[in-house]
Amino acid sequence: MISKERVETVGDVFAVGDELKAVVINAFNEREVQLSTKALELVPGQMKTDKQAVFANAAEGLAKYLLSKNEIMEQRRQALTQLK
């Protein structure tokens, strides 16, 4: 989950040893986590063109991501309530 635009390989954006900011999307167990830099993008594809800008605006990107997720969860709750 690197960018909202297609990334052919991780090496197109990151190199071993790069420091980055990411969101933990899921924790499967103590050894496996799913990370996303895509969730921090304010502009689709920005991880491919200016990843430092994405990291500099990570707090804003995270807030937007969380708001979107909360809206989706609320829509699902409402749909579930209608089914009952």
Protein backbone atom coordinates (compact mmCIF):
# COMPACT_ATOMS: atom_id res chain seq x y z
CA MET A 1 0.00 0.00 0.00
CA ILE A 2 2.48 2.55 -1.24
CA SER A 3 0.50 4.95 -3.41
CA LYS A 4 -2.96 5.55 -4.81
CA GLU A 5 -1.30 5.20 -8.22
CA ARG A 6 0.24 1.95 -9.40
CA VAL A 7 3.80 1.28 -8.25
CA GLU A 8 5.58 -1.47 -10.18
CA THR A 9 8.06 -2.38 -7.44
CA VAL A 10 8.74 -1.19 -3.90
CA GLY A 11 12.22 -0.22 -5.12
CA ASP A 12 10.67 2.39 -7.41
CA VAL A 13 9.81 4.42 -4.30
CA PHE A 14 11.86 3.09 -1.38
CA ALA A 15 15.33 1.72 -0.78
CA VAL A 16 16.59 -0.48 2.05
CA GLY A 17 17.38 1.81 4.98
CA ASP A 18 14.93 4.57 4.04
CA GLU A 19 13.13 6.16 6.96
CA LEU A 20 9.45 6.73 6.36
CA LYS A 21 6.13 7.46 7.95
CA ALA A 22 3.32 4.97 7.51
CA VAL A 23 -0.02 4.01 9.00
CA VAL A 24 -0.56 0.60 10.57
CA ILE A 25 -3.61 -0.67 8.72
CA ASN A 26 -3.78 -4.09 10.33
CA ALA A 27 -1.83 -6.15 12.85
CA PHE A 28 -2.23 -9.83 12.09
CA ASN A 29 -0.12 -11.06 14.99
CA GLU A 30 3.01 -10.03 16.87
CA ARG A 31 5.16 -10.48 13.76
CA GLU A 32 3.04 -9.27 10.87
CA VAL A 33 1.62 -5.83 10.24
CA GLN A 34 0.12 -4.20 7.19
CA LEU A 35 1.49 -0.70 6.60
CA SER A 36 0.34 2.05 4.28
CA THR A 37 1.97 5.20 3.01
CA LYS A 38 -0.88 5.42 0.51
CA ALA A 39 -3.21 6.44 3.36
CA LEU A 40 -1.09 9.54 3.98
CA GLU A 41 -1.24 10.88 0.42
CA LEU A 42 -3.18 14.12 0.06
CA VAL A 43 -2.61 14.02 -3.70
CA PRO A 44 -2.98 10.65 -5.46
CA GLY A 45 0.39 9.44 -6.68
CA GLN A 46 2.40 11.88 -4.60
CA MET A 47 4.45 9.08 -3.03
CA LYS A 48 5.90 8.48 -6.50
CA THR A 49 6.70 12.13 -7.20
CA ASP A 50 7.39 13.78 -3.82
CA LYS A 51 7.41 11.38 -0.89
CA GLN A 52 9.03 13.97 1.39
CA ALA A 53 5.97 16.20 0.93
CA VAL A 54 3.75 13.26 1.92
CA PHE A 55 5.83 12.71 5.06
CA ALA A 56 5.86 16.45 5.87
CA ASN A 57 2.05 16.49 5.69
CA ALA A 58 1.56 13.06 7.29
CA ALA A 59 -0.58 14.38 10.16
CA GLU A 60 -3.01 16.01 7.75
CA GLY A 61 -3.06 12.93 5.53
CA LEU A 62 -3.69 10.69 8.52
CA ALA A 63 -6.55 12.91 9.73
CA LYS A 64 -8.15 12.75 6.27
CA TYR A 65 -7.71 8.97 6.14
CA LEU A 66 -9.24 8.47 9.59
CA LEU A 67 -12.19 10.73 8.77
CA SER A 68 -12.83 8.73 5.62
CA LYS A 69 -12.64 5.43 7.51
CA ASN A 70 -15.02 6.74 10.18
CA GLU A 71 -17.51 7.83 7.51
CA ILE A 72 -17.36 4.39 5.88
CA MET A 73 -17.90 2.67 9.22
CA GLU A 74 -20.90 4.90 9.95
CA GLN A 75 -22.41 4.09 6.55
CA ARG A 76 -21.96 0.39 7.25
CA ARG A 77 -23.58 0.74 10.69
CA GLN A 78 -26.57 2.49 9.14
CA ALA A 79 -26.90 -0.16 6.43
CA LEU A 80 -26.73 -2.91 9.06
CA THR A 81 -29.38 -1.18 11.14
CA GLN A 82 -31.68 -1.03 8.09
CA LEU A 83 -31.22 -4.76 7.52
CA LYS A 84 -32.37 -5.61 11.04
